[in-house]
Amino acid sequence: SGVTLNLVAGMTVRSISGLTTANLAVDQVRFTAPVHIGDTLYA
């Protein structure tokens, strides 16, 4: 799940937080289905 979280969060950086000064919080993290090798994720 940590890998999934980091991959998905990383996908968002280019648009929403490319200029971020600091992350303050990651909250309400929910894993709702399994992720396997070969799955393609969209955020």
ModelCIF file with pLDDT and N, C-alpha, C, O atoms, coordinates in Angstrom:
data_MODEL
#
_entry.id   MODEL 
#
_entity.id                         1 
_entity.type                       polymer 
_entity.pdbx_number_of_molecules   1 
#
_entity_poly.entity_id                      1 
_entity_poly.type                           'polypeptide(L)' 
_entity_poly.nstd_linkage                   no 
_entity_poly.nstd_monomer                   no 
_entity_poly.pdbx_seq_one_letter_code       SGVTLNLVAGMTVRSISGLTTANLAVDQVRFTAPVHIGDTLYA 
_entity_poly.pdbx_seq_one_letter_code_can   SGVTLNLVAGMTVRSISGLTTANLAVDQVRFTAPVHIGDTLYA 
_entity_poly.pdbx_strand_id                 A 
#
loop_
_entity_poly_seq.entity_id 
_entity_poly_seq.num 
_entity_poly_seq.mon_id 
_entity_poly_seq.hetero 
1 1  SER n 
1 2  GLY n 
1 3  VAL n 
1 4  THR n 
1 5  LEU n 
1 6  ASN n 
1 7  LEU n 
1 8  VAL n 
1 9  ALA n 
1 10 GLY n 
1 11 MET n 
1 12 THR n 
1 13 VAL n 
1 14 ARG n 
1 15 SER n 
1 16 ILE n 
1 17 SER n 
1 18 GLY n 
1 19 LEU n 
1 20 THR n 
1 21 THR n 
1 22 ALA n 
1 23 ASN n 
1 24 LEU n 
1 25 ALA n 
1 26 VAL n 
1 27 ASP n 
1 28 GLN n 
1 29 VAL n 
1 30 ARG n 
1 31 PHE n 
1 32 THR n 
1 33 ALA n 
1 34 PRO n 
1 35 VAL n 
1 36 HIS n 
1 37 ILE n 
1 38 GLY n 
1 39 ASP n 
1 40 THR n 
1 41 LEU n 
1 42 TYR n 
1 43 ALA n 
#
_struct_asym.id          A 
_struct_asym.entity_id   1 
#
loop_
_ma_qa_metric.id 
_ma_qa_metric.mode 
_ma_qa_metric.name 
_ma_qa_metric.software_group_id 
_ma_qa_metric.type 
1 global pLDDT . pLDDT 
2 local  pLDDT . pLDDT 
#
_ma_qa_metric_global.metric_id      1 
_ma_qa_metric_global.metric_value   94.88 
_ma_qa_metric_global.model_id       1 
_ma_qa_metric_global.ordinal_id     1 
#
loop_
_ma_qa_metric_local.label_asym_id 
_ma_qa_metric_local.label_comp_id 
_ma_qa_metric_local.label_seq_id 
_ma_qa_metric_local.metric_id 
_ma_qa_metric_local.metric_value 
_ma_qa_metric_local.model_id 
_ma_qa_metric_local.ordinal_id 
A SER 1  2 95.00 1 1  
A GLY 2  2 94.00 1 2  
A VAL 3  2 95.00 1 3  
A THR 4  2 97.00 1 4  
A LEU 5  2 97.00 1 5  
A ASN 6  2 95.00 1 6  
A LEU 7  2 96.00 1 7  
A VAL 8  2 97.00 1 8  
A ALA 9  2 96.00 1 9  
A GLY 10 2 95.00 1 10 
A MET 11 2 95.00 1 11 
A THR 12 2 95.00 1 12 
A VAL 13 2 92.00 1 13 
A ARG 14 2 89.00 1 14 
A SER 15 2 88.00 1 15 
A ILE 16 2 90.00 1 16 
A SER 17 2 84.00 1 17 
A GLY 18 2 87.00 1 18 
A LEU 19 2 88.00 1 19 
A THR 20 2 90.00 1 20 
A THR 21 2 89.00 1 21 
A ALA 22 2 93.00 1 22 
A ASN 23 2 94.00 1 23 
A LEU 24 2 97.00 1 24 
A ALA 25 2 97.00 1 25 
A VAL 26 2 97.00 1 26 
A ASP 27 2 97.00 1 27 
A GLN 28 2 98.00 1 28 
A VAL 29 2 98.00 1 29 
A ARG 30 2 98.00 1 30 
A PHE 31 2 98.00 1 31 
A THR 32 2 98.00 1 32 
A ALA 33 2 97.00 1 33 
A PRO 34 2 97.00 1 34 
A VAL 35 2 97.00 1 35 
A HIS 36 2 97.00 1 36 
A ILE 37 2 96.00 1 37 
A GLY 38 2 97.00 1 38 
A ASP 39 2 98.00 1 39 
A THR 40 2 98.00 1 40 
A LEU 41 2 98.00 1 41 
A TYR 42 2 98.00 1 42 
A ALA 43 2 98.00 1 43 
#
loop_
_atom_site.group_PDB 
_atom_site.id 
_atom_site.type_symbol 
_atom_site.label_atom_id 
_atom_site.label_alt_id 
_atom_site.label_comp_id 
_atom_site.label_asym_id 
_atom_site.label_entity_id 
_atom_site.label_seq_id 
_atom_site.pdbx_PDB_ins_code 
_atom_site.Cartn_x 
_atom_site.Cartn_y 
_atom_site.Cartn_z 
_atom_site.occupancy 
_atom_site.B_iso_or_equiv 
_atom_site.pdbx_formal_charge 
_atom_site.auth_seq_id 
_atom_site.auth_comp_id 
_atom_site.auth_asym_id 
_atom_site.auth_atom_id 
_atom_site.pdbx_PDB_model_num 
ATOM 1   N N  . SER A 1 1  ? 0.819   -1.215 0.000   1.00 95.00 ? 1  SER A N  1 
ATOM 2   C CA . SER A 1 1  ? 0.000   0.000  0.000   1.00 95.00 ? 1  SER A CA 1 
ATOM 3   C C  . SER A 1 1  ? 0.852   1.265  0.000   1.00 95.00 ? 1  SER A C  1 
ATOM 4   O O  . SER A 1 1  ? 0.455   2.270  -0.589  1.00 95.00 ? 1  SER A O  1 
ATOM 5   N N  . GLY A 1 2  ? 2.006   1.234  0.645   1.00 94.00 ? 2  GLY A N  1 
ATOM 6   C CA . GLY A 1 2  ? 2.897   2.394  0.641   1.00 94.00 ? 2  GLY A CA 1 
ATOM 7   C C  . GLY A 1 2  ? 3.405   2.709  -0.761  1.00 94.00 ? 2  GLY A C  1 
ATOM 8   O O  . GLY A 1 2  ? 3.548   3.875  -1.130  1.00 94.00 ? 2  GLY A O  1 
ATOM 9   N N  . VAL A 1 3  ? 3.675   1.672  -1.532  1.00 95.00 ? 3  VAL A N  1 
ATOM 10  C CA . VAL A 1 3  ? 4.105   1.864  -2.919  1.00 95.00 ? 3  VAL A CA 1 
ATOM 11  C C  . VAL A 1 3  ? 2.966   2.489  -3.723  1.00 95.00 ? 3  VAL A C  1 
ATOM 12  O O  . VAL A 1 3  ? 3.176   3.431  -4.487  1.00 95.00 ? 3  VAL A O  1 
ATOM 13  N N  . THR A 1 4  ? 1.766   1.955  -3.543  1.00 97.00 ? 4  THR A N  1 
ATOM 14  C CA . THR A 1 4  ? 0.609   2.499  -4.260  1.00 97.00 ? 4  THR A CA 1 
ATOM 15  C C  . THR A 1 4  ? 0.411   3.973  -3.908  1.00 97.00 ? 4  THR A C  1 
ATOM 16  O O  . THR A 1 4  ? 0.220   4.797  -4.803  1.00 97.00 ? 4  THR A O  1 
ATOM 17  N N  . LEU A 1 5  ? 0.452   4.313  -2.631  1.00 97.00 ? 5  LEU A N  1 
ATOM 18  C CA . LEU A 1 5  ? 0.281   5.696  -2.204  1.00 97.00 ? 5  LEU A CA 1 
ATOM 19  C C  . LEU A 1 5  ? 1.332   6.597  -2.847  1.00 97.00 ? 5  LEU A C  1 
ATOM 20  O O  . LEU A 1 5  ? 1.004   7.670  -3.352  1.00 97.00 ? 5  LEU A O  1 
ATOM 21  N N  . ASN A 1 6  ? 2.578   6.172  -2.830  1.00 95.00 ? 6  ASN A N  1 
ATOM 22  C CA . ASN A 1 6  ? 3.646   7.001  -3.394  1.00 95.00 ? 6  ASN A CA 1 
ATOM 23  C C  . ASN A 1 6  ? 3.532   7.146  -4.904  1.00 95.00 ? 6  ASN A C  1 
ATOM 24  O O  . ASN A 1 6  ? 3.789   8.226  -5.435  1.00 95.00 ? 6  ASN A O  1 
ATOM 25  N N  . LEU A 1 7  ? 3.158   6.096  -5.599  1.00 96.00 ? 7  LEU A N  1 
ATOM 26  C CA . LEU A 1 7  ? 2.981   6.203  -7.045  1.00 96.00 ? 7  LEU A CA 1 
ATOM 27  C C  . LEU A 1 7  ? 1.863   7.184  -7.389  1.00 96.00 ? 7  LEU A C  1 
ATOM 28  O O  . LEU A 1 7  ? 2.026   8.047  -8.252  1.00 96.00 ? 7  LEU A O  1 
ATOM 29  N N  . VAL A 1 8  ? 0.725   7.044  -6.704  1.00 97.00 ? 8  VAL A N  1 
ATOM 30  C CA . VAL A 1 8  ? -0.422  7.907  -7.001  1.00 97.00 ? 8  VAL A CA 1 
ATOM 31  C C  . VAL A 1 8  ? -0.117  9.354  -6.609  1.00 97.00 ? 8  VAL A C  1 
ATOM 32  O O  . VAL A 1 8  ? -0.394  10.270 -7.384  1.00 97.00 ? 8  VAL A O  1 
ATOM 33  N N  . ALA A 1 9  ? 0.442   9.571  -5.433  1.00 96.00 ? 9  ALA A N  1 
ATOM 34  C CA . ALA A 1 9  ? 0.794   10.937 -5.023  1.00 96.00 ? 9  ALA A CA 1 
ATOM 35  C C  . ALA A 1 9  ? 1.777   11.542 -6.019  1.00 96.00 ? 9  ALA A C  1 
ATOM 36  O O  . ALA A 1 9  ? 1.663   12.715 -6.372  1.00 96.00 ? 9  ALA A O  1 
ATOM 37  N N  . GLY A 1 10 ? 2.732   10.753 -6.467  1.00 95.00 ? 10 GLY A N  1 
ATOM 38  C CA . GLY A 1 10 ? 3.696   11.235 -7.447  1.00 95.00 ? 10 GLY A CA 1 
ATOM 39  C C  . GLY A 1 10 ? 3.054   11.638 -8.760  1.00 95.00 ? 10 GLY A C  1 
ATOM 40  O O  . GLY A 1 10 ? 3.513   12.575 -9.414  1.00 95.00 ? 10 GLY A O  1 
ATOM 41  N N  . MET A 1 11 ? 2.001   10.942 -9.153  1.00 95.00 ? 11 MET A N  1 
ATOM 42  C CA . MET A 1 11 ? 1.307   11.270 -10.396 1.00 95.00 ? 11 MET A CA 1 
ATOM 43  C C  . MET A 1 11 ? 0.675   12.663 -10.341 1.00 95.00 ? 11 MET A C  1 
ATOM 44  O O  . MET A 1 11 ? 0.438   13.272 -11.384 1.00 95.00 ? 11 MET A O  1 
ATOM 45  N N  . THR A 1 12 ? 0.403   13.166 -9.152  1.00 95.00 ? 12 THR A N  1 
ATOM 46  C CA . THR A 1 12 ? -0.287  14.450 -8.998  1.00 95.00 ? 12 THR A CA 1 
ATOM 47  C C  . THR A 1 12 ? 0.654   15.645 -8.960  1.00 95.00 ? 12 THR A C  1 
ATOM 48  O O  . THR A 1 12 ? 0.215   16.780 -9.142  1.00 95.00 ? 12 THR A O  1 
ATOM 49  N N  . VAL A 1 13 ? 1.924   15.412 -8.731  1.00 92.00 ? 13 VAL A N  1 
ATOM 50  C CA . VAL A 1 13 ? 2.864   16.498 -8.465  1.00 92.00 ? 13 VAL A CA 1 
ATOM 51  C C  . VAL A 1 13 ? 2.979   17.476 -9.622  1.00 92.00 ? 13 VAL A C  1 
ATOM 52  O O  . VAL A 1 13 ? 2.951   18.687 -9.401  1.00 92.00 ? 13 VAL A O  1 
ATOM 53  N N  . ARG A 1 14 ? 3.104   16.996 -10.827 1.00 89.00 ? 14 ARG A N  1 
ATOM 54  C CA . ARG A 1 14 ? 3.335   17.870 -11.971 1.00 89.00 ? 14 ARG A CA 1 
ATOM 55  C C  . ARG A 1 14 ? 2.298   18.990 -12.049 1.00 89.00 ? 14 ARG A C  1 
ATOM 56  O O  . ARG A 1 14 ? 2.639   20.132 -12.359 1.00 89.00 ? 14 ARG A O  1 
ATOM 57  N N  . SER A 1 15 ? 1.046   18.670 -11.770 1.00 88.00 ? 15 SER A N  1 
ATOM 58  C CA . SER A 1 15 ? 0.015   19.703 -11.900 1.00 88.00 ? 15 SER A CA 1 
ATOM 59  C C  . SER A 1 15 ? -0.306  20.406 -10.590 1.00 88.00 ? 15 SER A C  1 
ATOM 60  O O  . SER A 1 15 ? -0.306  21.637 -10.546 1.00 88.00 ? 15 SER A O  1 
ATOM 61  N N  . ILE A 1 16 ? -0.580  19.665 -9.525  1.00 90.00 ? 16 ILE A N  1 
ATOM 62  C CA . ILE A 1 16 ? -1.095  20.356 -8.339  1.00 90.00 ? 16 ILE A CA 1 
ATOM 63  C C  . ILE A 1 16 ? -0.028  20.851 -7.382  1.00 90.00 ? 16 ILE A C  1 
ATOM 64  O O  . ILE A 1 16 ? -0.255  21.829 -6.670  1.00 90.00 ? 16 ILE A O  1 
ATOM 65  N N  . SER A 1 17 ? 1.107   20.217 -7.343  1.00 84.00 ? 17 SER A N  1 
ATOM 66  C CA . SER A 1 17 ? 2.049   20.623 -6.293  1.00 84.00 ? 17 SER A CA 1 
ATOM 67  C C  . SER A 1 17 ? 3.488   20.722 -6.783  1.00 84.00 ? 17 SER A C  1 
ATOM 68  O O  . SER A 1 17 ? 4.424   20.527 -6.007  1.00 84.00 ? 17 SER A O  1 
ATOM 69  N N  . GLY A 1 18 ? 3.668   21.021 -8.050  1.00 87.00 ? 18 GLY A N  1 
ATOM 70  C CA . GLY A 1 18 ? 5.018   21.176 -8.577  1.00 87.00 ? 18 GLY A CA 1 
ATOM 71  C C  . GLY A 1 18 ? 5.797   22.289 -7.908  1.00 87.00 ? 18 GLY A C  1 
ATOM 72  O O  . GLY A 1 18 ? 7.027   22.253 -7.886  1.00 87.00 ? 18 GLY A O  1 
ATOM 73  N N  . LEU A 1 19 ? 5.103   23.279 -7.361  1.00 88.00 ? 19 LEU A N  1 
ATOM 74  C CA . LEU A 1 19 ? 5.760   24.402 -6.688  1.00 88.00 ? 19 LEU A CA 1 
ATOM 75  C C  . LEU A 1 19 ? 5.648   24.324 -5.172  1.00 88.00 ? 19 LEU A C  1 
ATOM 76  O O  . LEU A 1 19 ? 5.929   25.303 -4.481  1.00 88.00 ? 19 LEU A O  1 
ATOM 77  N N  . THR A 1 20 ? 5.248   23.185 -4.653  1.00 90.00 ? 20 THR A N  1 
ATOM 78  C CA . THR A 1 20 ? 5.028   23.046 -3.217  1.00 90.00 ? 20 THR A CA 1 
ATOM 79  C C  . THR A 1 20 ? 6.261   23.433 -2.413  1.00 90.00 ? 20 THR A C  1 
ATOM 80  O O  . THR A 1 20 ? 7.389   23.070 -2.748  1.00 90.00 ? 20 THR A O  1 
ATOM 81  N N  . THR A 1 21 ? 6.014   24.179 -1.346  1.00 89.00 ? 21 THR A N  1 
ATOM 82  C CA . THR A 1 21 ? 7.056   24.542 -0.396  1.00 89.00 ? 21 THR A CA 1 
ATOM 83  C C  . THR A 1 21 ? 7.202   23.461 0.667   1.00 89.00 ? 21 THR A C  1 
ATOM 84  O O  . THR A 1 21 ? 8.307   23.183 1.134   1.00 89.00 ? 21 THR A O  1 
ATOM 85  N N  . ALA A 1 22 ? 6.071   22.848 1.050   1.00 93.00 ? 22 ALA A N  1 
ATOM 86  C CA . ALA A 1 22 ? 6.093   21.795 2.063   1.00 93.00 ? 22 ALA A CA 1 
ATOM 87  C C  . ALA A 1 22 ? 4.769   21.039 2.048   1.00 93.00 ? 22 ALA A C  1 
ATOM 88  O O  . ALA A 1 22 ? 3.708   21.631 1.851   1.00 93.00 ? 22 ALA A O  1 
ATOM 89  N N  . ASN A 1 23 ? 4.840   19.743 2.255   1.00 94.00 ? 23 ASN A N  1 
ATOM 90  C CA . ASN A 1 23 ? 3.633   18.958 2.521   1.00 94.00 ? 23 ASN A CA 1 
ATOM 91  C C  . ASN A 1 23 ? 3.323   19.112 3.999   1.00 94.00 ? 23 ASN A C  1 
ATOM 92  O O  . ASN A 1 23 ? 4.225   19.061 4.835   1.00 94.00 ? 23 ASN A O  1 
ATOM 93  N N  . LEU A 1 24 ? 2.058   19.298 4.322   1.00 97.00 ? 24 LEU A N  1 
ATOM 94  C CA . LEU A 1 24 ? 1.651   19.468 5.710   1.00 97.00 ? 24 LEU A CA 1 
ATOM 95  C C  . LEU A 1 24 ? 0.944   18.240 6.262   1.00 97.00 ? 24 LEU A C  1 
ATOM 96  O O  . LEU A 1 24 ? 1.075   17.923 7.445   1.00 97.00 ? 24 LEU A O  1 
ATOM 97  N N  . ALA A 1 25 ? 0.190   17.545 5.403   1.00 97.00 ? 25 ALA A N  1 
ATOM 98  C CA . ALA A 1 25 ? -0.554  16.385 5.900   1.00 97.00 ? 25 ALA A CA 1 
ATOM 99  C C  . ALA A 1 25 ? -1.001  15.504 4.742   1.00 97.00 ? 25 ALA A C  1 
ATOM 100 O O  . ALA A 1 25 ? -1.279  15.978 3.641   1.00 97.00 ? 25 ALA A O  1 
ATOM 101 N N  . VAL A 1 26 ? -1.062  14.224 5.022   1.00 97.00 ? 26 VAL A N  1 
ATOM 102 C CA . VAL A 1 26 ? -1.754  13.252 4.178   1.00 97.00 ? 26 VAL A CA 1 
ATOM 103 C C  . VAL A 1 26 ? -2.727  12.563 5.122   1.00 97.00 ? 26 VAL A C  1 
ATOM 104 O O  . VAL A 1 26 ? -2.326  11.899 6.077   1.00 97.00 ? 26 VAL A O  1 
ATOM 105 N N  . ASP A 1 27 ? -4.026  12.735 4.833   1.00 97.00 ? 27 ASP A N  1 
ATOM 106 C CA . ASP A 1 27 ? -5.069  12.272 5.741   1.00 97.00 ? 27 ASP A CA 1 
ATOM 107 C C  . ASP A 1 27 ? -6.068  11.386 5.025   1.00 97.00 ? 27 ASP A C  1 
ATOM 108 O O  . ASP A 1 27 ? -6.132  11.342 3.797   1.00 97.00 ? 27 ASP A O  1 
ATOM 109 N N  . GLN A 1 28 ? -6.838  10.687 5.827   1.00 98.00 ? 28 GLN A N  1 
ATOM 110 C CA . GLN A 1 28 ? -7.966  9.891  5.332   1.00 98.00 ? 28 GLN A CA 1 
ATOM 111 C C  . GLN A 1 28 ? -7.565  8.977  4.169   1.00 98.00 ? 28 GLN A C  1 
ATOM 112 O O  . GLN A 1 28 ? -8.276  8.877  3.169   1.00 98.00 ? 28 GLN A O  1 
ATOM 113 N N  . VAL A 1 29 ? -6.430  8.325  4.316   1.00 98.00 ? 29 VAL A N  1 
ATOM 114 C CA . VAL A 1 29 ? -5.955  7.398  3.288   1.00 98.00 ? 29 VAL A CA 1 
ATOM 115 C C  . VAL A 1 29 ? -6.794  6.127  3.355   1.00 98.00 ? 29 VAL A C  1 
ATOM 116 O O  . VAL A 1 29 ? -6.946  5.524  4.418   1.00 98.00 ? 29 VAL A O  1 
ATOM 117 N N  . ARG A 1 30 ? -7.333  5.732  2.214   1.00 98.00 ? 30 ARG A N  1 
ATOM 118 C CA . ARG A 1 30 ? -8.153  4.518  2.121   1.00 98.00 ? 30 ARG A CA 1 
ATOM 119 C C  . ARG A 1 30 ? -7.690  3.698  0.932   1.00 98.00 ? 30 ARG A C  1 
ATOM 120 O O  . ARG A 1 30 ? -7.543  4.216  -0.176  1.00 98.00 ? 30 ARG A O  1 
ATOM 121 N N  . PHE A 1 31 ? -7.461  2.421  1.168   1.00 98.00 ? 31 PHE A N  1 
ATOM 122 C CA . PHE A 1 31 ? -7.131  1.486  0.094   1.00 98.00 ? 31 PHE A CA 1 
ATOM 123 C C  . PHE A 1 31 ? -8.377  0.652  -0.154  1.00 98.00 ? 31 PHE A C  1 
ATOM 124 O O  . PHE A 1 31 ? -8.799  -0.110 0.716   1.00 98.00 ? 31 PHE A O  1 
ATOM 125 N N  . THR A 1 32 ? -8.964  0.791  -1.327  1.00 98.00 ? 32 THR A N  1 
ATOM 126 C CA . THR A 1 32 ? -10.294 0.241  -1.573  1.00 98.00 ? 32 THR A CA 1 
ATOM 127 C C  . THR A 1 32 ? -10.302 -1.001 -2.455  1.00 98.00 ? 32 THR A C  1 
ATOM 128 O O  . THR A 1 32 ? -11.331 -1.667 -2.565  1.00 98.00 ? 32 THR A O  1 
ATOM 129 N N  . ALA A 1 33 ? -9.191  -1.321 -3.077  1.00 97.00 ? 33 ALA A N  1 
ATOM 130 C CA . ALA A 1 33 ? -9.080  -2.535 -3.888  1.00 97.00 ? 33 ALA A CA 1 
ATOM 131 C C  . ALA A 1 33 ? -7.605  -2.874 -4.033  1.00 97.00 ? 33 ALA A C  1 
ATOM 132 O O  . ALA A 1 33 ? -6.752  -1.990 -3.945  1.00 97.00 ? 33 ALA A O  1 
ATOM 133 N N  . PRO A 1 34 ? -7.299  -4.150 -4.256  1.00 97.00 ? 34 PRO A N  1 
ATOM 134 C CA . PRO A 1 34 ? -5.897  -4.535 -4.401  1.00 97.00 ? 34 PRO A CA 1 
ATOM 135 C C  . PRO A 1 34 ? -5.283  -3.989 -5.682  1.00 97.00 ? 34 PRO A C  1 
ATOM 136 O O  . PRO A 1 34 ? -5.971  -3.762 -6.678  1.00 97.00 ? 34 PRO A O  1 
ATOM 137 N N  . VAL A 1 35 ? -3.975  -3.786 -5.630  1.00 97.00 ? 35 VAL A N  1 
ATOM 138 C CA . VAL A 1 35 ? -3.198  -3.385 -6.803  1.00 97.00 ? 35 VAL A CA 1 
ATOM 139 C C  . VAL A 1 35 ? -2.143  -4.457 -7.024  1.00 97.00 ? 35 VAL A C  1 
ATOM 140 O O  . VAL A 1 35 ? -1.476  -4.898 -6.088  1.00 97.00 ? 35 VAL A O  1 
ATOM 141 N N  . HIS A 1 36 ? -2.003  -4.867 -8.278  1.00 97.00 ? 36 HIS A N  1 
ATOM 142 C CA . HIS A 1 36 ? -1.073  -5.939 -8.636  1.00 97.00 ? 36 HIS A CA 1 
ATOM 143 C C  . HIS A 1 36 ? -0.118  -5.477 -9.728  1.00 97.00 ? 36 HIS A C  1 
ATOM 144 O O  . HIS A 1 36 ? -0.370  -4.488 -10.417 1.00 97.00 ? 36 HIS A O  1 
ATOM 145 N N  . ILE A 1 37 ? 0.974   -6.204 -9.871  1.00 96.00 ? 37 ILE A N  1 
ATOM 146 C CA . ILE A 1 37 ? 1.915   -5.944 -10.954 1.00 96.00 ? 37 ILE A CA 1 
ATOM 147 C C  . ILE A 1 37 ? 1.145   -6.003 -12.275 1.00 96.00 ? 37 ILE A C  1 
ATOM 148 O O  . ILE A 1 37 ? 0.378   -6.933 -12.523 1.00 96.00 ? 37 ILE A O  1 
ATOM 149 N N  . GLY A 1 38 ? 1.367   -4.993 -13.114 1.00 97.00 ? 38 GLY A N  1 
ATOM 150 C CA . GLY A 1 38 ? 0.694   -4.924 -14.410 1.00 97.00 ? 38 GLY A CA 1 
ATOM 151 C C  . GLY A 1 38 ? -0.550  -4.050 -14.405 1.00 97.00 ? 38 GLY A C  1 
ATOM 152 O O  . GLY A 1 38 ? -1.048  -3.698 -15.475 1.00 97.00 ? 38 GLY A O  1 
ATOM 153 N N  . ASP A 1 39 ? -1.068  -3.688 -13.236 1.00 98.00 ? 39 ASP A N  1 
ATOM 154 C CA . ASP A 1 39 ? -2.214  -2.771 -13.187 1.00 98.00 ? 39 ASP A CA 1 
ATOM 155 C C  . ASP A 1 39 ? -1.752  -1.381 -13.610 1.00 98.00 ? 39 ASP A C  1 
ATOM 156 O O  . ASP A 1 39 ? -0.629  -0.972 -13.314 1.00 98.00 ? 39 ASP A O  1 
ATOM 157 N N  . THR A 1 40 ? -2.620  -0.667 -14.300 1.00 98.00 ? 40 THR A N  1 
ATOM 158 C CA . THR A 1 40 ? -2.347  0.723  -14.658 1.00 98.00 ? 40 THR A CA 1 
ATOM 159 C C  . THR A 1 40 ? -3.251  1.613  -13.823 1.00 98.00 ? 40 THR A C  1 
ATOM 160 O O  . THR A 1 40 ? -4.466  1.422  -13.775 1.00 98.00 ? 40 THR A O  1 
ATOM 161 N N  . LEU A 1 41 ? -2.637  2.586  -13.166 1.00 98.00 ? 41 LEU A N  1 
ATOM 162 C CA . LEU A 1 41 ? -3.361  3.482  -12.274 1.00 98.00 ? 41 LEU A CA 1 
ATOM 163 C C  . LEU A 1 41 ? -3.582  4.840  -12.942 1.00 98.00 ? 41 LEU A C  1 
ATOM 164 O O  . LEU A 1 41 ? -2.720  5.345  -13.662 1.00 98.00 ? 41 LEU A O  1 
ATOM 165 N N  . TYR A 1 42 ? -4.747  5.413  -12.688 1.00 98.00 ? 42 TYR A N  1 
ATOM 166 C CA . TYR A 1 42 ? -5.101  6.752  -13.153 1.00 98.00 ? 42 TYR A CA 1 
ATOM 167 C C  . TYR A 1 42 ? -5.584  7.528  -11.936 1.00 98.00 ? 42 TYR A C  1 
ATOM 168 O O  . TYR A 1 42 ? -6.328  6.999  -11.110 1.00 98.00 ? 42 TYR A O  1 
ATOM 169 N N  . ALA A 1 43 ? -5.160  8.782  -11.828 1.00 98.00 ? 43 ALA A N  1 
ATOM 170 C CA . ALA A 1 43 ? -5.514  9.578  -10.656 1.00 98.00 ? 43 ALA A CA 1 
ATOM 171 C C  . ALA A 1 43 ? -6.262  10.834 -11.063 1.00 98.00 ? 43 ALA A C  1 
ATOM 172 O O  . ALA A 1 43 ? -6.642  11.631 -10.206 1.00 98.00 ? 43 ALA A O  1 
#
